Amino acid sequence: VHELEDDLGKGGHELSLSTGNAGGRLACENPLLGSKF
């Protein structure tokens, strides 16, 4: 989860093409952490 909405590379900001200029990460999750195989 990021601070801002991803501009999909169309925002004209120098970070638009690499990160979508979405800002810093607010939260992160590993989807495999709770998985049972």
PDB file of N, CA and C in Angstrom:
ATOM      1  N   VAL A   1       0.862  -1.165   0.000  1.00  0.00           N
ATOM      2  CA  VAL A   1       0.000   0.000   0.000  1.00  0.00           C
ATOM      3  C   VAL A   1       0.907   1.225   0.000  1.00  0.00           C
ATOM      4  N   HIS A   2       0.650   2.104  -0.936  1.00  0.00           N
ATOM      5  CA  HIS A   2       1.471   3.303  -1.063  1.00  0.00           C
ATOM      6  C   HIS A   2       0.710   4.550  -0.601  1.00  0.00           C
ATOM      7  N   GLU A   3       1.463   5.581  -0.367  1.00  0.00           N
ATOM      8  CA  GLU A   3       0.947   6.854   0.140  1.00  0.00           C
ATOM      9  C   GLU A   3      -0.019   7.527  -0.839  1.00  0.00           C
ATOM     10  N   LEU A   4       0.292   7.473  -2.137  1.00  0.00           N
ATOM     11  CA  LEU A   4      -0.509   8.149  -3.157  1.00  0.00           C
ATOM     12  C   LEU A   4      -1.000   7.157  -4.198  1.00  0.00           C
ATOM     13  N   GLU A   5      -1.890   7.593  -5.059  1.00  0.00           N
ATOM     14  CA  GLU A   5      -2.379   6.764  -6.153  1.00  0.00           C
ATOM     15  C   GLU A   5      -1.333   6.703  -7.267  1.00  0.00           C
ATOM     16  N   ASP A   6      -1.153   5.535  -7.852  1.00  0.00           N
ATOM     17  CA  ASP A   6      -0.227   5.345  -8.969  1.00  0.00           C
ATOM     18  C   ASP A   6      -0.745   6.104 -10.184  1.00  0.00           C
ATOM     19  N   ASP A   7       0.114   6.920 -10.809  1.00  0.00           N
ATOM     20  CA  ASP A   7      -0.319   7.696 -11.978  1.00  0.00           C
ATOM     21  C   ASP A   7      -0.116   6.941 -13.294  1.00  0.00           C
ATOM     22  N   LEU A   8       0.263   5.657 -13.198  1.00  0.00           N
ATOM     23  CA  LEU A   8       0.420   4.769 -14.358  1.00  0.00           C
ATOM     24  C   LEU A   8       1.411   5.301 -15.392  1.00  0.00           C
ATOM     25  N   GLY A   9       2.399   6.064 -14.925  1.00  0.00           N
ATOM     26  CA  GLY A   9       3.435   6.575 -15.814  1.00  0.00           C
ATOM     27  C   GLY A   9       3.022   7.766 -16.647  1.00  0.00           C
ATOM     28  N   LYS A  10       1.872   8.338 -16.359  1.00  0.00           N
ATOM     29  CA  LYS A  10       1.352   9.433 -17.178  1.00  0.00           C
ATOM     30  C   LYS A  10       1.345  10.774 -16.457  1.00  0.00           C
ATOM     31  N   GLY A  11       1.993  10.843 -15.292  1.00  0.00           N
ATOM     32  CA  GLY A  11       1.929  12.049 -14.489  1.00  0.00           C
ATOM     33  C   GLY A  11       2.928  13.131 -14.840  1.00  0.00           C
ATOM     34  N   GLY A  12       3.926  12.801 -15.659  1.00  0.00           N
ATOM     35  CA  GLY A  12       4.910  13.804 -16.026  1.00  0.00           C
ATOM     36  C   GLY A  12       5.987  14.033 -14.980  1.00  0.00           C
ATOM     37  N   HIS A  13       5.943  13.334 -13.875  1.00  0.00           N
ATOM     38  CA  HIS A  13       6.948  13.448 -12.826  1.00  0.00           C
ATOM     39  C   HIS A  13       8.095  12.501 -13.159  1.00  0.00           C
ATOM     40  N   GLU A  14       9.308  12.818 -12.713  1.00  0.00           N
ATOM     41  CA  GLU A  14      10.461  11.970 -13.022  1.00  0.00           C
ATOM     42  C   GLU A  14      10.314  10.549 -12.473  1.00  0.00           C
ATOM     43  N   LEU A  15       9.497  10.348 -11.447  1.00  0.00           N
ATOM     44  CA  LEU A  15       9.289   9.012 -10.888  1.00  0.00           C
ATOM     45  C   LEU A  15       8.097   8.279 -11.495  1.00  0.00           C
ATOM     46  N   SER A  16       7.364   8.927 -12.371  1.00  0.00           N
ATOM     47  CA  SER A  16       6.161   8.329 -12.947  1.00  0.00           C
ATOM     48  C   SER A  16       6.433   7.015 -13.666  1.00  0.00           C
ATOM     49  N   LEU A  17       7.510   6.946 -14.429  1.00  0.00           N
ATOM     50  CA  LEU A  17       7.789   5.745 -15.212  1.00  0.00           C
ATOM     51  C   LEU A  17       8.386   4.607 -14.393  1.00  0.00           C
ATOM     52  N   SER A  18       8.969   4.899 -13.232  1.00  0.00           N
ATOM     53  CA  SER A  18       9.566   3.823 -12.436  1.00  0.00           C
ATOM     54  C   SER A  18       8.687   3.377 -11.274  1.00  0.00           C
ATOM     55  N   THR A  19       8.054   4.316 -10.592  1.00  0.00           N
ATOM     56  CA  THR A  19       7.249   3.952  -9.416  1.00  0.00           C
ATOM     57  C   THR A  19       5.800   4.401  -9.523  1.00  0.00           C
ATOM     58  N   GLY A  20       5.456   5.057 -10.613  1.00  0.00           N
ATOM     59  CA  GLY A  20       4.100   5.595 -10.738  1.00  0.00           C
ATOM     60  C   GLY A  20       3.893   6.820  -9.876  1.00  0.00           C
ATOM     61  N   ASN A  21       4.995   7.338  -9.307  1.00  0.00           N
ATOM     62  CA  ASN A  21       4.949   8.493  -8.410  1.00  0.00           C
ATOM     63  C   ASN A  21       3.915   8.280  -7.308  1.00  0.00           C
ATOM     64  N   ALA A  22       3.878   7.054  -6.769  1.00  0.00           N
ATOM     65  CA  ALA A  22       2.885   6.694  -5.762  1.00  0.00           C
ATOM     66  C   ALA A  22       3.322   7.025  -4.335  1.00  0.00           C
ATOM     67  N   GLY A  23       4.501   7.559  -4.163  1.00  0.00           N
ATOM     68  CA  GLY A  23       4.958   7.928  -2.829  1.00  0.00           C
ATOM     69  C   GLY A  23       5.533   6.744  -2.068  1.00  0.00           C
ATOM     70  N   GLY A  24       5.710   6.941  -0.784  1.00  0.00           N
ATOM     71  CA  GLY A  24       6.305   5.910   0.059  1.00  0.00           C
ATOM     72  C   GLY A  24       5.336   4.795   0.397  1.00  0.00           C
ATOM     73  N   ARG A  25       5.905   3.692   0.830  1.00  0.00           N
ATOM     74  CA  ARG A  25       5.085   2.547   1.233  1.00  0.00           C
ATOM     75  C   ARG A  25       4.545   2.770   2.631  1.00  0.00           C
ATOM     76  N   LEU A  26       3.252   2.525   2.788  1.00  0.00           N
ATOM     77  CA  LEU A  26       2.624   2.634   4.100  1.00  0.00           C
ATOM     78  C   LEU A  26       2.543   1.275   4.777  1.00  0.00           C
ATOM     79  N   ALA A  27       2.391   0.226   3.984  1.00  0.00           N
ATOM     80  CA  ALA A  27       2.298  -1.131   4.518  1.00  0.00           C
ATOM     81  C   ALA A  27       2.781  -2.107   3.463  1.00  0.00           C
ATOM     82  N   CYS A  28       3.204  -3.279   3.917  1.00  0.00           N
ATOM     83  CA  CYS A  28       3.704  -4.297   3.013  1.00  0.00           C
ATOM     84  C   CYS A  28       3.278  -5.658   3.547  1.00  0.00           C
ATOM     85  N   GLU A  29       2.991  -6.604   2.649  1.00  0.00           N
ATOM     86  CA  GLU A  29       2.547  -7.926   3.073  1.00  0.00           C
ATOM     87  C   GLU A  29       3.170  -8.981   2.181  1.00  0.00           C
ATOM     88  N   ASN A  30       3.488 -10.108   2.763  1.00  0.00           N
ATOM     89  CA  ASN A  30       3.948 -11.268   2.013  1.00  0.00           C
ATOM     90  C   ASN A  30       2.773 -12.227   1.901  1.00  0.00           C
ATOM     91  N   PRO A  31       2.215 -12.415   0.695  1.00  0.00           N
ATOM     92  CA  PRO A  31       1.027 -13.256   0.546  1.00  0.00           C
ATOM     93  C   PRO A  31       1.279 -14.726   0.868  1.00  0.00           C
ATOM     94  N   LEU A  32       2.528 -15.185   0.874  1.00  0.00           N
ATOM     95  CA  LEU A  32       2.830 -16.581   1.174  1.00  0.00           C
ATOM     96  C   LEU A  32       3.013 -16.845   2.657  1.00  0.00           C
ATOM     97  N   LEU A  33       3.109 -15.810   3.445  1.00  0.00           N
ATOM     98  CA  LEU A  33       3.394 -15.960   4.863  1.00  0.00           C
ATOM     99  C   LEU A  33       2.352 -16.805   5.580  1.00  0.00           C
ATOM    100  N   GLY A  34       1.093 -16.605   5.286  1.00  0.00           N
ATOM    101  CA  GLY A  34       0.038 -17.341   5.970  1.00  0.00           C
ATOM    102  C   GLY A  34      -0.489 -18.528   5.192  1.00  0.00           C
ATOM    103  N   SER A  35       0.109 -18.827   4.038  1.00  0.00           N
ATOM    104  CA  SER A  35      -0.380 -19.926   3.209  1.00  0.00           C
ATOM    105  C   SER A  35      -0.006 -21.277   3.798  1.00  0.00           C
ATOM    106  N   LYS A  36      -0.896 -22.242   3.639  1.00  0.00           N
ATOM    107  CA  LYS A  36      -0.620 -23.619   4.047  1.00  0.00           C
ATOM    108  C   LYS A  36      -0.591 -24.473   2.790  1.00  0.00           C
ATOM    109  N   PHE A  37       0.461 -25.253   2.646  1.00  0.00           N
ATOM    110  CA  PHE A  37       0.600 -26.090   1.452  1.00  0.00           C
ATOM    111  C   PHE A  37       0.300 -27.519   1.773  1.00  0.00           C
TER     112      PHE A  37
END
